[in-house]
């Protein structure tokens, strides 16, 4: 008698060793997985995603970002510090002002892909 399984699990235990070995040889390093997870953790906060999105449009100072997001300068500075630690943003001093920009375009590509995914899931 066959048991039906609708929970997405295999009905029998069968390891396809060739498939496992093939994929295992193509896996990223543990260090790389940790780095990716840390980046996604940074993107797990809506405020940080808003900051990154805003900076994808134009470089802005802390005061500009605070006004845009309706937050205090201190709160925005804290989020920017976290993003700087992950090398997602960088700043440039111009006189007495510090203007933030994306560290590179990879961050905005992640946001763009996820926003497309989110729209598809709705």
PDB file of N, CA and C in Angstrom:
ATOM      1  N   UNK A   1       0.840  -1.172   0.000  1.00  0.00           N
ATOM      2  CA  UNK A   1       0.000   0.000   0.000  1.00  0.00           C
ATOM      3  C   UNK A   1       0.895   1.249   0.000  1.00  0.00           C
ATOM      4  N   UNK A   2       0.647   2.176  -0.921  1.00  0.00           N
ATOM      5  CA  UNK A   2       1.425   3.400  -1.040  1.00  0.00           C
ATOM      6  C   UNK A   2       0.854   4.465  -0.112  1.00  0.00           C
ATOM      7  N   UNK A   3       1.759   5.101   0.636  1.00  0.00           N
ATOM      8  CA  UNK A   3       1.351   6.173   1.538  1.00  0.00           C
ATOM      9  C   UNK A   3       1.536   7.491   0.802  1.00  0.00           C
ATOM     10  N   UNK A   4       0.485   8.289   0.719  1.00  0.00           N
ATOM     11  CA  UNK A   4       0.556   9.592   0.057  1.00  0.00           C
ATOM     12  C   UNK A   4       1.162  10.617   1.025  1.00  0.00           C
ATOM     13  N   UNK A   5       2.058  11.416   0.509  1.00  0.00           N
ATOM     14  CA  UNK A   5       2.693  12.459   1.304  1.00  0.00           C
ATOM     15  C   UNK A   5       2.469  13.795   0.614  1.00  0.00           C
ATOM     16  N   UNK A   6       1.826  14.709   1.310  1.00  0.00           N
ATOM     17  CA  UNK A   6       1.577  16.019   0.713  1.00  0.00           C
ATOM     18  C   UNK A   6       2.302  17.132   1.468  1.00  0.00           C
ATOM     19  N   UNK A   7       3.282  16.742   2.285  1.00  0.00           N
ATOM     20  CA  UNK A   7       3.997  17.753   3.051  1.00  0.00           C
ATOM     21  C   UNK A   7       5.348  18.127   2.448  1.00  0.00           C
ATOM     22  N   UNK A   8       5.603  17.680   1.227  1.00  0.00           N
ATOM     23  CA  UNK A   8       6.838  18.047   0.553  1.00  0.00           C
ATOM     24  C   UNK A   8       8.040  17.198   0.919  1.00  0.00           C
ATOM     25  N   UNK A   9       7.840  16.131   1.683  1.00  0.00           N
ATOM     26  CA  UNK A   9       8.953  15.256   2.045  1.00  0.00           C
ATOM     27  C   UNK A   9       8.939  14.013   1.169  1.00  0.00           C
ATOM     28  N   UNK A  10      10.104  13.368   1.082  1.00  0.00           N
ATOM     29  CA  UNK A  10      10.195  12.118   0.322  1.00  0.00           C
ATOM     30  C   UNK A  10       9.432  11.022   1.063  1.00  0.00           C
ATOM     31  N   UNK A  11       8.833  10.129   0.304  1.00  0.00           N
ATOM     32  CA  UNK A  11       8.113   9.019   0.913  1.00  0.00           C
ATOM     33  C   UNK A  11       9.053   7.876   1.262  1.00  0.00           C
ATOM     34  N   UNK A  12      10.208   7.827   0.619  1.00  0.00           N
ATOM     35  CA  UNK A  12      11.226   6.823   0.926  1.00  0.00           C
ATOM     36  C   UNK A  12      12.567   7.515   1.076  1.00  0.00           C
ATOM     37  N   UNK A  13      13.451   6.917   1.861  1.00  0.00           N
ATOM     38  CA  UNK A  13      14.796   7.467   2.045  1.00  0.00           C
ATOM     39  C   UNK A  13      15.691   6.929   0.942  1.00  0.00           C
ATOM     40  N   UNK A  14      16.197   7.835   0.084  1.00  0.00           N
ATOM     41  CA  UNK A  14      17.053   7.436  -1.025  1.00  0.00           C
ATOM     42  C   UNK A  14      17.995   8.587  -1.330  1.00  0.00           C
ATOM     43  N   UNK A  15      19.270   8.411  -1.022  1.00  0.00           N
ATOM     44  CA  UNK A  15      20.256   9.456  -1.273  1.00  0.00           C
ATOM     45  C   UNK A  15      20.891   9.204  -2.630  1.00  0.00           C
ATOM     46  N   UNK A  16      20.835  10.206  -3.492  1.00  0.00           N
ATOM     47  CA  UNK A  16      21.427  10.127  -4.826  1.00  0.00           C
ATOM     48  C   UNK A  16      22.856  10.650  -4.711  1.00  0.00           C
ATOM     49  N   UNK A  17      23.796   9.735  -4.447  1.00  0.00           N
ATOM     50  CA  UNK A  17      25.174  10.107  -4.122  1.00  0.00           C
ATOM     51  C   UNK A  17      25.830  10.950  -5.211  1.00  0.00           C
ATOM     52  N   UNK A  18      25.585  10.637  -6.480  1.00  0.00           N
ATOM     53  CA  UNK A  18      26.186  11.418  -7.569  1.00  0.00           C
ATOM     54  C   UNK A  18      25.715  12.872  -7.520  1.00  0.00           C
ATOM     55  N   UNK A  19      24.435  13.064  -7.294  1.00  0.00           N
ATOM     56  CA  UNK A  19      23.880  14.425  -7.217  1.00  0.00           C
ATOM     57  C   UNK A  19      24.442  15.178  -6.028  1.00  0.00           C
ATOM     58  N   UNK A  20      24.527  14.487  -4.887  1.00  0.00           N
ATOM     59  CA  UNK A  20      25.053  15.117  -3.678  1.00  0.00           C
ATOM     60  C   UNK A  20      26.504  15.543  -3.894  1.00  0.00           C
ATOM     61  N   UNK A  21      27.318  14.667  -4.447  1.00  0.00           N
ATOM     62  CA  UNK A  21      28.732  14.967  -4.679  1.00  0.00           C
ATOM     63  C   UNK A  21      28.897  16.108  -5.693  1.00  0.00           C
ATOM     64  N   UNK A  22      28.065  16.110  -6.734  1.00  0.00           N
ATOM     65  CA  UNK A  22      28.147  17.168  -7.752  1.00  0.00           C
ATOM     66  C   UNK A  22      27.877  18.538  -7.139  1.00  0.00           C
ATOM     67  N   UNK A  23      26.805  18.624  -6.378  1.00  0.00           N
ATOM     68  CA  UNK A  23      26.447  19.905  -5.775  1.00  0.00           C
ATOM     69  C   UNK A  23      27.446  20.285  -4.684  1.00  0.00           C
ATOM     70  N   UNK A  24      27.887  19.320  -3.900  1.00  0.00           N
ATOM     71  CA  UNK A  24      28.854  19.593  -2.832  1.00  0.00           C
ATOM     72  C   UNK A  24      30.134  20.211  -3.398  1.00  0.00           C
ATOM     73  N   UNK A  25      30.557  19.765  -4.563  1.00  0.00           N
ATOM     74  CA  UNK A  25      31.779  20.300  -5.164  1.00  0.00           C
ATOM     75  C   UNK A  25      31.599  21.741  -5.650  1.00  0.00           C
ATOM     76  N   UNK A  26      30.349  22.191  -5.778  1.00  0.00           N
ATOM     77  CA  UNK A  26      30.056  23.541  -6.267  1.00  0.00           C
ATOM     78  C   UNK A  26      29.618  24.496  -5.165  1.00  0.00           C
ATOM     79  N   UNK A  27      29.574  24.013  -3.925  1.00  0.00           N
ATOM     80  CA  UNK A  27      29.106  24.839  -2.811  1.00  0.00           C
ATOM     81  C   UNK A  27      30.126  25.920  -2.478  1.00  0.00           C
ATOM     82  N   UNK A  28      29.635  27.032  -1.985  1.00  0.00           N
ATOM     83  CA  UNK A  28      30.490  28.130  -1.548  1.00  0.00           C
ATOM     84  C   UNK A  28      31.144  27.772  -0.219  1.00  0.00           C
ATOM     85  N   UNK A  29      32.148  28.539   0.161  1.00  0.00           N
ATOM     86  CA  UNK A  29      32.822  28.293   1.441  1.00  0.00           C
ATOM     87  C   UNK A  29      31.914  28.718   2.601  1.00  0.00           C
ATOM     88  N   UNK A  30      32.192  28.178   3.773  1.00  0.00           N
ATOM     89  CA  UNK A  30      31.429  28.530   4.973  1.00  0.00           C
ATOM     90  C   UNK A  30      31.561  30.021   5.261  1.00  0.00           C
ATOM     91  N   UNK A  31      32.750  30.562   5.049  1.00  0.00           N
ATOM     92  CA  UNK A  31      32.991  31.991   5.257  1.00  0.00           C
ATOM     93  C   UNK A  31      32.099  32.838   4.337  1.00  0.00           C
ATOM     94  N   UNK A  32      31.954  32.406   3.098  1.00  0.00           N
ATOM     95  CA  UNK A  32      31.110  33.126   2.143  1.00  0.00           C
ATOM     96  C   UNK A  32      29.649  33.069   2.568  1.00  0.00           C
ATOM     97  N   UNK A  33      29.191  31.902   3.023  1.00  0.00           N
ATOM     98  CA  UNK A  33      27.802  31.790   3.504  1.00  0.00           C
ATOM     99  C   UNK A  33      27.569  32.714   4.696  1.00  0.00           C
ATOM    100  N   UNK A  34      28.538  32.802   5.605  1.00  0.00           N
ATOM    101  CA  UNK A  34      28.406  33.681   6.771  1.00  0.00           C
ATOM    102  C   UNK A  34      28.310  35.145   6.336  1.00  0.00           C
ATOM    103  N   UNK A  35      29.123  35.516   5.355  1.00  0.00           N
ATOM    104  CA  UNK A  35      29.107  36.893   4.865  1.00  0.00           C
ATOM    105  C   UNK A  35      27.770  37.224   4.197  1.00  0.00           C
ATOM    106  N   UNK A  36      27.268  36.308   3.402  1.00  0.00           N
ATOM    107  CA  UNK A  36      25.969  36.520   2.734  1.00  0.00           C
ATOM    108  C   UNK A  36      24.864  36.657   3.777  1.00  0.00           C
ATOM    109  N   UNK A  37      24.878  35.789   4.782  1.00  0.00           N
ATOM    110  CA  UNK A  37      23.852  35.843   5.831  1.00  0.00           C
ATOM    111  C   UNK A  37      23.921  37.173   6.580  1.00  0.00           C
ATOM    112  N   UNK A  38      25.131  37.669   6.830  1.00  0.00           N
ATOM    113  CA  UNK A  38      25.282  38.963   7.504  1.00  0.00           C
ATOM    114  C   UNK A  38      24.725  40.101   6.660  1.00  0.00           C
ATOM    115  N   UNK A  39      24.956  40.025   5.344  1.00  0.00           N
ATOM    116  CA  UNK A  39      24.401  41.048   4.457  1.00  0.00           C
ATOM    117  C   UNK A  39      22.879  41.007   4.458  1.00  0.00           C
ATOM    118  N   UNK A  40      22.317  39.807   4.405  1.00  0.00           N
ATOM    119  CA  UNK A  40      20.857  39.703   4.425  1.00  0.00           C
ATOM    120  C   UNK A  40      20.292  40.165   5.766  1.00  0.00           C
ATOM    121  N   UNK A  41      21.040  39.957   6.839  1.00  0.00           N
ATOM    122  CA  UNK A  41      20.599  40.452   8.143  1.00  0.00           C
ATOM    123  C   UNK A  41      20.507  41.978   8.096  1.00  0.00           C
ATOM    124  N   UNK A  42      21.483  42.626   7.457  1.00  0.00           N
ATOM    125  CA  UNK A  42      21.452  44.079   7.300  1.00  0.00           C
ATOM    126  C   UNK A  42      20.216  44.498   6.508  1.00  0.00           C
ATOM    127  N   UNK A  43      19.863  43.715   5.504  1.00  0.00           N
ATOM    128  CA  UNK A  43      18.707  44.037   4.665  1.00  0.00           C
ATOM    129  C   UNK A  43      17.390  43.607   5.311  1.00  0.00           C
ATOM    130  N   UNK A  44      17.471  43.005   6.486  1.00  0.00           N
ATOM    131  CA  UNK A  44      16.276  42.567   7.195  1.00  0.00           C
ATOM    132  C   UNK A  44      15.582  43.685   7.955  1.00  0.00           C
ATOM    133  N   UNK A  45      16.150  44.863   7.928  1.00  0.00           N
ATOM    134  CA  UNK A  45      15.566  46.005   8.626  1.00  0.00           C
ATOM    135  C   UNK A  45      15.027  46.997   7.599  1.00  0.00           C
ATOM    136  N   UNK A  46      13.725  47.306   7.645  1.00  0.00           N
ATOM    137  CA  UNK A  46      13.131  48.205   6.645  1.00  0.00           C
ATOM    138  C   UNK A  46      13.784  49.589   6.596  1.00  0.00           C
ATOM    139  N   UNK A  47      14.219  50.109   7.732  1.00  0.00           N
ATOM    140  CA  UNK A  47      14.863  51.428   7.735  1.00  0.00           C
ATOM    141  C   UNK A  47      16.149  51.398   6.925  1.00  0.00           C
ATOM    142  N   UNK A  48      16.954  50.362   7.112  1.00  0.00           N
ATOM    143  CA  UNK A  48      18.205  50.272   6.355  1.00  0.00           C
ATOM    144  C   UNK A  48      17.935  50.095   4.870  1.00  0.00           C
ATOM    145  N   UNK A  49      16.898  49.344   4.531  1.00  0.00           N
ATOM    146  CA  UNK A  49      16.547  49.167   3.118  1.00  0.00           C
ATOM    147  C   UNK A  49      16.107  50.506   2.524  1.00  0.00           C
ATOM    148  N   UNK A  50      15.341  51.281   3.278  1.00  0.00           N
ATOM    149  CA  UNK A  50      14.926  52.612   2.805  1.00  0.00           C
ATOM    150  C   UNK A  50      16.137  53.508   2.581  1.00  0.00           C
ATOM    151  N   UNK A  51      17.087  53.469   3.503  1.00  0.00           N
ATOM    152  CA  UNK A  51      18.302  54.274   3.361  1.00  0.00           C
ATOM    153  C   UNK A  51      19.046  53.870   2.094  1.00  0.00           C
ATOM    154  N   UNK A  52      19.221  52.579   1.894  1.00  0.00           N
ATOM    155  CA  UNK A  52      19.928  52.100   0.698  1.00  0.00           C
ATOM    156  C   UNK A  52      19.190  52.489  -0.575  1.00  0.00           C
ATOM    157  N   UNK A  53      17.875  52.363  -0.536  1.00  0.00           N
ATOM    158  CA  UNK A  53      17.081  52.739  -1.711  1.00  0.00           C
ATOM    159  C   UNK A  53      17.246  54.227  -2.014  1.00  0.00           C
ATOM    160  N   UNK A  54      17.164  55.051  -0.978  1.00  0.00           N
ATOM    161  CA  UNK A  54      17.328  56.498  -1.160  1.00  0.00           C
ATOM    162  C   UNK A  54      18.708  56.813  -1.739  1.00  0.00           C
ATOM    163  N   UNK A  55      19.730  56.145  -1.218  1.00  0.00           N
ATOM    164  CA  UNK A  55      21.091  56.402  -1.692  1.00  0.00           C
ATOM    165  C   UNK A  55      21.328  55.860  -3.097  1.00  0.00           C
ATOM    166  N   UNK A  56      20.458  54.979  -3.537  1.00  0.00           N
ATOM    167  CA  UNK A  56      20.578  54.507  -4.924  1.00  0.00           C
ATOM    168  C   UNK A  56      20.111  55.580  -5.906  1.00  0.00           C
ATOM    169  N   UNK A  57      19.365  56.550  -5.400  1.00  0.00           N
ATOM    170  CA  UNK A  57      18.851  57.636  -6.234  1.00  0.00           C
ATOM    171  C   UNK A  57      19.790  58.838  -6.259  1.00  0.00           C
ATOM    172  N   UNK A  58      20.439  59.089  -5.092  1.00  0.00           N
ATOM    173  CA  UNK A  58      21.281  60.288  -4.988  1.00  0.00           C
ATOM    174  C   UNK A  58      22.090  60.194  -3.706  1.00  0.00           C
ATOM    175  N   UNK A  59      23.301  60.722  -3.720  1.00  0.00           N
ATOM    176  CA  UNK A  59      24.059  60.778  -2.467  1.00  0.00           C
ATOM    177  C   UNK A  59      23.419  61.840  -1.575  1.00  0.00           C
ATOM    178  N   UNK A  60      23.340  61.522  -0.286  1.00  0.00           N
ATOM    179  CA  UNK A  60      22.652  62.387   0.672  1.00  0.00           C
ATOM    180  C   UNK A  60      23.433  62.459   1.973  1.00  0.00           C
ATOM    181  N   UNK A  61      23.259  63.546   2.700  1.00  0.00           N
ATOM    182  CA  UNK A  61      23.880  63.654   4.027  1.00  0.00           C
ATOM    183  C   UNK A  61      22.906  63.099   5.068  1.00  0.00           C
ATOM    184  N   UNK A  62      23.389  62.956   6.293  1.00  0.00           N
ATOM    185  CA  UNK A  62      22.569  62.414   7.386  1.00  0.00           C
ATOM    186  C   UNK A  62      21.315  63.266   7.577  1.00  0.00           C
ATOM    187  N   UNK A  63      21.467  64.585   7.524  1.00  0.00           N
ATOM    188  CA  UNK A  63      20.321  65.481   7.719  1.00  0.00           C
ATOM    189  C   UNK A  63      19.250  65.245   6.654  1.00  0.00           C
ATOM    190  N   UNK A  64      19.688  65.073   5.410  1.00  0.00           N
ATOM    191  CA  UNK A  64      18.754  64.814   4.307  1.00  0.00           C
ATOM    192  C   UNK A  64      18.019  63.492   4.528  1.00  0.00           C
ATOM    193  N   UNK A  65      18.778  62.453   4.895  1.00  0.00           N
ATOM    194  CA  UNK A  65      18.166  61.140   5.122  1.00  0.00           C
ATOM    195  C   UNK A  65      17.183  61.191   6.289  1.00  0.00           C
ATOM    196  N   UNK A  66      17.552  61.904   7.353  1.00  0.00           N
ATOM    197  CA  UNK A  66      16.661  62.021   8.516  1.00  0.00           C
ATOM    198  C   UNK A  66      15.355  62.716   8.124  1.00  0.00           C
ATOM    199  N   UNK A  67      15.453  63.785   7.340  1.00  0.00           N
ATOM    200  CA  UNK A  67      14.250  64.498   6.900  1.00  0.00           C
ATOM    201  C   UNK A  67      13.404  63.614   5.992  1.00  0.00           C
ATOM    202  N   UNK A  68      14.056  62.905   5.097  1.00  0.00           N
ATOM    203  CA  UNK A  68      13.352  62.030   4.161  1.00  0.00           C
ATOM    204  C   UNK A  68      12.590  60.923   4.880  1.00  0.00           C
ATOM    205  N   UNK A  69      13.220  60.337   5.900  1.00  0.00           N
ATOM    206  CA  UNK A  69      12.633  59.187   6.591  1.00  0.00           C
ATOM    207  C   UNK A  69      11.840  59.557   7.837  1.00  0.00           C
ATOM    208  N   UNK A  70      11.842  60.836   8.202  1.00  0.00           N
ATOM    209  CA  UNK A  70      11.118  61.261   9.402  1.00  0.00           C
ATOM    210  C   UNK A  70      11.741  60.698  10.665  1.00  0.00           C
ATOM    211  N   UNK A  71      13.071  60.688  10.707  1.00  0.00           N
ATOM    212  CA  UNK A  71      13.808  60.141  11.844  1.00  0.00           C
ATOM    213  C   UNK A  71      14.767  61.200  12.379  1.00  0.00           C
ATOM    214  N   UNK A  72      15.350  60.919  13.532  1.00  0.00           N
ATOM    215  CA  UNK A  72      16.358  61.825  14.072  1.00  0.00           C
ATOM    216  C   UNK A  72      17.699  61.567  13.373  1.00  0.00           C
ATOM    217  N   UNK A  73      18.555  62.583  13.390  1.00  0.00           N
ATOM    218  CA  UNK A  73      19.897  62.429  12.831  1.00  0.00           C
ATOM    219  C   UNK A  73      20.634  61.284  13.522  1.00  0.00           C
ATOM    220  N   UNK A  74      20.451  61.181  14.825  1.00  0.00           N
ATOM    221  CA  UNK A  74      21.126  60.156  15.619  1.00  0.00           C
ATOM    222  C   UNK A  74      20.703  58.753  15.188  1.00  0.00           C
ATOM    223  N   UNK A  75      19.408  58.567  14.978  1.00  0.00           N
ATOM    224  CA  UNK A  75      18.896  57.250  14.569  1.00  0.00           C
ATOM    225  C   UNK A  75      19.411  56.870  13.181  1.00  0.00           C
ATOM    226  N   UNK A  76      19.440  57.839  12.280  1.00  0.00           N
ATOM    227  CA  UNK A  76      19.949  57.582  10.932  1.00  0.00           C
ATOM    228  C   UNK A  76      21.441  57.294  10.978  1.00  0.00           C
ATOM    229  N   UNK A  77      22.179  58.054  11.780  1.00  0.00           N
ATOM    230  CA  UNK A  77      23.621  57.836  11.910  1.00  0.00           C
ATOM    231  C   UNK A  77      23.932  56.431  12.402  1.00  0.00           C
ATOM    232  N   UNK A  78      23.129  55.963  13.343  1.00  0.00           N
ATOM    233  CA  UNK A  78      23.314  54.599  13.862  1.00  0.00           C
ATOM    234  C   UNK A  78      23.151  53.569  12.742  1.00  0.00           C
ATOM    235  N   UNK A  79      22.104  53.722  11.951  1.00  0.00           N
ATOM    236  CA  UNK A  79      21.863  52.779  10.853  1.00  0.00           C
ATOM    237  C   UNK A  79      22.984  52.869   9.803  1.00  0.00           C
ATOM    238  N   UNK A  80      23.440  54.061   9.521  1.00  0.00           N
ATOM    239  CA  UNK A  80      24.527  54.242   8.562  1.00  0.00           C
ATOM    240  C   UNK A  80      25.824  53.601   9.060  1.00  0.00           C
ATOM    241  N   UNK A  81      26.070  53.696  10.350  1.00  0.00           N
ATOM    242  CA  UNK A  81      27.268  53.056  10.917  1.00  0.00           C
ATOM    243  C   UNK A  81      27.226  51.553  10.686  1.00  0.00           C
ATOM    244  N   UNK A  82      26.063  50.934  10.916  1.00  0.00           N
ATOM    245  CA  UNK A  82      25.910  49.493  10.685  1.00  0.00           C
ATOM    246  C   UNK A  82      26.130  49.149   9.207  1.00  0.00           C
ATOM    247  N   UNK A  83      25.584  49.960   8.345  1.00  0.00           N
ATOM    248  CA  UNK A  83      25.748  49.729   6.901  1.00  0.00           C
ATOM    249  C   UNK A  83      27.202  49.929   6.461  1.00  0.00           C
ATOM    250  N   UNK A  84      27.872  50.886   7.070  1.00  0.00           N
ATOM    251  CA  UNK A  84      29.301  51.091   6.759  1.00  0.00           C
ATOM    252  C   UNK A  84      30.128  49.886   7.196  1.00  0.00           C
ATOM    253  N   UNK A  85      29.805  49.331   8.348  1.00  0.00           N
ATOM    254  CA  UNK A  85      30.536  48.159   8.844  1.00  0.00           C
ATOM    255  C   UNK A  85      30.433  46.971   7.891  1.00  0.00           C
ATOM    256  N   UNK A  86      29.335  46.881   7.143  1.00  0.00           N
ATOM    257  CA  UNK A  86      29.144  45.798   6.161  1.00  0.00           C
ATOM    258  C   UNK A  86      29.587  46.244   4.767  1.00  0.00           C
ATOM    259  N   UNK A  87      30.212  47.404   4.672  1.00  0.00           N
ATOM    260  CA  UNK A  87      30.687  47.940   3.388  1.00  0.00           C
ATOM    261  C   UNK A  87      29.568  48.095   2.359  1.00  0.00           C
ATOM    262  N   UNK A  88      28.395  48.494   2.844  1.00  0.00           N
ATOM    263  CA  UNK A  88      27.274  48.724   1.937  1.00  0.00           C
ATOM    264  C   UNK A  88      27.174  50.191   1.547  1.00  0.00           C
ATOM    265  N   UNK A  89      27.643  51.075   2.427  1.00  0.00           N
ATOM    266  CA  UNK A  89      27.659  52.506   2.128  1.00  0.00           C
ATOM    267  C   UNK A  89      29.027  53.069   2.482  1.00  0.00           C
ATOM    268  N   UNK A  90      29.313  54.218   1.914  1.00  0.00           N
ATOM    269  CA  UNK A  90      30.531  54.953   2.245  1.00  0.00           C
ATOM    270  C   UNK A  90      30.174  56.433   2.243  1.00  0.00           C
ATOM    271  N   UNK A  91      31.042  57.243   2.834  1.00  0.00           N
ATOM    272  CA  UNK A  91      30.770  58.669   2.838  1.00  0.00           C
ATOM    273  C   UNK A  91      31.983  59.436   2.362  1.00  0.00           C
ATOM    274  N   UNK A  92      31.698  60.659   1.964  1.00  0.00           N
ATOM    275  CA  UNK A  92      32.736  61.559   1.481  1.00  0.00           C
ATOM    276  C   UNK A  92      32.491  62.911   2.131  1.00  0.00           C
ATOM    277  N   UNK A  93      33.522  63.456   2.737  1.00  0.00           N
ATOM    278  CA  UNK A  93      33.404  64.776   3.353  1.00  0.00           C
ATOM    279  C   UNK A  93      33.536  65.848   2.280  1.00  0.00           C
ATOM    280  N   UNK A  94      32.623  66.797   2.313  1.00  0.00           N
ATOM    281  CA  UNK A  94      32.674  67.975   1.450  1.00  0.00           C
ATOM    282  C   UNK A  94      32.500  69.173   2.371  1.00  0.00           C
ATOM    283  N   UNK A  95      33.618  69.797   2.713  1.00  0.00           N
ATOM    284  CA  UNK A  95      33.563  70.871   3.700  1.00  0.00           C
ATOM    285  C   UNK A  95      33.183  70.287   5.047  1.00  0.00           C
ATOM    286  N   UNK A  96      32.129  70.828   5.632  1.00  0.00           N
ATOM    287  CA  UNK A  96      31.661  70.351   6.938  1.00  0.00           C
ATOM    288  C   UNK A  96      30.589  69.273   6.805  1.00  0.00           C
ATOM    289  N   UNK A  97      30.259  68.902   5.599  1.00  0.00           N
ATOM    290  CA  UNK A  97      29.185  67.931   5.352  1.00  0.00           C
ATOM    291  C   UNK A  97      29.772  66.565   4.987  1.00  0.00           C
ATOM    292  N   UNK A  98      29.077  65.510   5.410  1.00  0.00           N
ATOM    293  CA  UNK A  98      29.445  64.145   5.036  1.00  0.00           C
ATOM    294  C   UNK A  98      28.312  63.584   4.179  1.00  0.00           C
ATOM    295  N   UNK A  99      28.602  63.298   2.930  1.00  0.00           N
ATOM    296  CA  UNK A  99      27.605  62.784   2.002  1.00  0.00           C
ATOM    297  C   UNK A  99      27.782  61.273   1.836  1.00  0.00           C
ATOM    298  N   UNK A 100      26.684  60.565   1.983  1.00  0.00           N
ATOM    299  CA  UNK A 100      26.695  59.104   1.882  1.00  0.00           C
ATOM    300  C   UNK A 100      26.276  58.663   0.488  1.00  0.00           C
ATOM    301  N   UNK A 101      26.849  57.542   0.081  1.00  0.00           N
ATOM    302  CA  UNK A 101      26.488  56.913  -1.185  1.00  0.00           C
ATOM    303  C   UNK A 101      26.659  55.408  -1.023  1.00  0.00           C
ATOM    304  N   UNK A 102      26.107  54.666  -1.958  1.00  0.00           N
ATOM    305  CA  UNK A 102      26.287  53.222  -1.934  1.00  0.00           C
ATOM    306  C   UNK A 102      27.757  52.901  -2.165  1.00  0.00           C
ATOM    307  N   UNK A 103      28.240  51.866  -1.498  1.00  0.00           N
ATOM    308  CA  UNK A 103      29.635  51.453  -1.675  1.00  0.00           C
ATOM    309  C   UNK A 103      29.846  50.886  -3.071  1.00  0.00           C
ATOM    310  N   UNK A 104      28.835  50.201  -3.593  1.00  0.00           N
ATOM    311  CA  UNK A 104      28.884  49.697  -4.970  1.00  0.00           C
ATOM    312  C   UNK A 104      27.465  49.343  -5.417  1.00  0.00           C
ATOM    313  N   UNK A 105      27.322  48.957  -6.651  1.00  0.00           N
ATOM    314  CA  UNK A 105      25.992  48.710  -7.219  1.00  0.00           C
ATOM    315  C   UNK A 105      25.412  47.344  -6.853  1.00  0.00           C
ATOM    316  N   UNK A 106      26.197  46.475  -6.223  1.00  0.00           N
ATOM    317  CA  UNK A 106      25.676  45.162  -5.861  1.00  0.00           C
ATOM    318  C   UNK A 106      24.497  45.261  -4.894  1.00  0.00           C
ATOM    319  N   UNK A 107      24.570  46.216  -3.989  1.00  0.00           N
ATOM    320  CA  UNK A 107      23.511  46.371  -2.989  1.00  0.00           C
ATOM    321  C   UNK A 107      22.189  46.709  -3.668  1.00  0.00           C
ATOM    322  N   UNK A 108      22.212  47.653  -4.598  1.00  0.00           N
ATOM    323  CA  UNK A 108      20.966  48.039  -5.250  1.00  0.00           C
ATOM    324  C   UNK A 108      20.439  46.922  -6.140  1.00  0.00           C
ATOM    325  N   UNK A 109      21.326  46.114  -6.692  1.00  0.00           N
ATOM    326  CA  UNK A 109      20.875  44.962  -7.473  1.00  0.00           C
ATOM    327  C   UNK A 109      20.108  43.995  -6.587  1.00  0.00           C
ATOM    328  N   UNK A 110      20.592  43.772  -5.365  1.00  0.00           N
ATOM    329  CA  UNK A 110      19.879  42.908  -4.420  1.00  0.00           C
ATOM    330  C   UNK A 110      18.483  43.457  -4.124  1.00  0.00           C
ATOM    331  N   UNK A 111      18.417  44.751  -3.851  1.00  0.00           N
ATOM    332  CA  UNK A 111      17.127  45.378  -3.531  1.00  0.00           C
ATOM    333  C   UNK A 111      16.195  45.313  -4.730  1.00  0.00           C
ATOM    334  N   UNK A 112      16.719  45.573  -5.909  1.00  0.00           N
ATOM    335  CA  UNK A 112      15.907  45.539  -7.124  1.00  0.00           C
ATOM    336  C   UNK A 112      15.344  44.130  -7.352  1.00  0.00           C
ATOM    337  N   UNK A 113      16.189  43.121  -7.210  1.00  0.00           N
ATOM    338  CA  UNK A 113      15.724  41.741  -7.403  1.00  0.00           C
ATOM    339  C   UNK A 113      14.665  41.363  -6.376  1.00  0.00           C
ATOM    340  N   UNK A 114      14.887  41.753  -5.121  1.00  0.00           N
ATOM    341  CA  UNK A 114      13.923  41.403  -4.078  1.00  0.00           C
ATOM    342  C   UNK A 114      12.610  42.160  -4.261  1.00  0.00           C
ATOM    343  N   UNK A 115      12.669  43.409  -4.713  1.00  0.00           N
ATOM    344  CA  UNK A 115      11.414  44.143  -4.926  1.00  0.00           C
ATOM    345  C   UNK A 115      10.611  43.499  -6.062  1.00  0.00           C
ATOM    346  N   UNK A 116      11.293  43.013  -7.088  1.00  0.00           N
ATOM    347  CA  UNK A 116      10.602  42.295  -8.160  1.00  0.00           C
ATOM    348  C   UNK A 116       9.998  41.004  -7.625  1.00  0.00           C
ATOM    349  N   UNK A 117      10.732  40.294  -6.797  1.00  0.00           N
ATOM    350  CA  UNK A 117      10.236  39.055  -6.200  1.00  0.00           C
ATOM    351  C   UNK A 117       9.013  39.340  -5.327  1.00  0.00           C
ATOM    352  N   UNK A 118       9.089  40.398  -4.516  1.00  0.00           N
ATOM    353  CA  UNK A 118       7.963  40.753  -3.636  1.00  0.00           C
ATOM    354  C   UNK A 118       6.711  41.068  -4.453  1.00  0.00           C
ATOM    355  N   UNK A 119       6.876  41.775  -5.574  1.00  0.00           N
ATOM    356  CA  UNK A 119       5.718  42.092  -6.439  1.00  0.00           C
ATOM    357  C   UNK A 119       5.114  40.815  -7.020  1.00  0.00           C
ATOM    358  N   UNK A 120       5.955  39.871  -7.414  1.00  0.00           N
ATOM    359  CA  UNK A 120       5.462  38.614  -7.970  1.00  0.00           C
ATOM    360  C   UNK A 120       4.681  37.802  -6.939  1.00  0.00           C
ATOM    361  N   UNK A 121       5.074  37.910  -5.693  1.00  0.00           N
ATOM    362  CA  UNK A 121       4.451  37.118  -4.629  1.00  0.00           C
ATOM    363  C   UNK A 121       3.117  37.689  -4.155  1.00  0.00           C
ATOM    364  N   UNK A 122       2.838  38.930  -4.530  1.00  0.00           N
ATOM    365  CA  UNK A 122       1.560  39.546  -4.104  1.00  0.00           C
ATOM    366  C   UNK A 122       0.420  39.051  -4.918  1.00  0.00           C
TER     367      UNK A 122
END
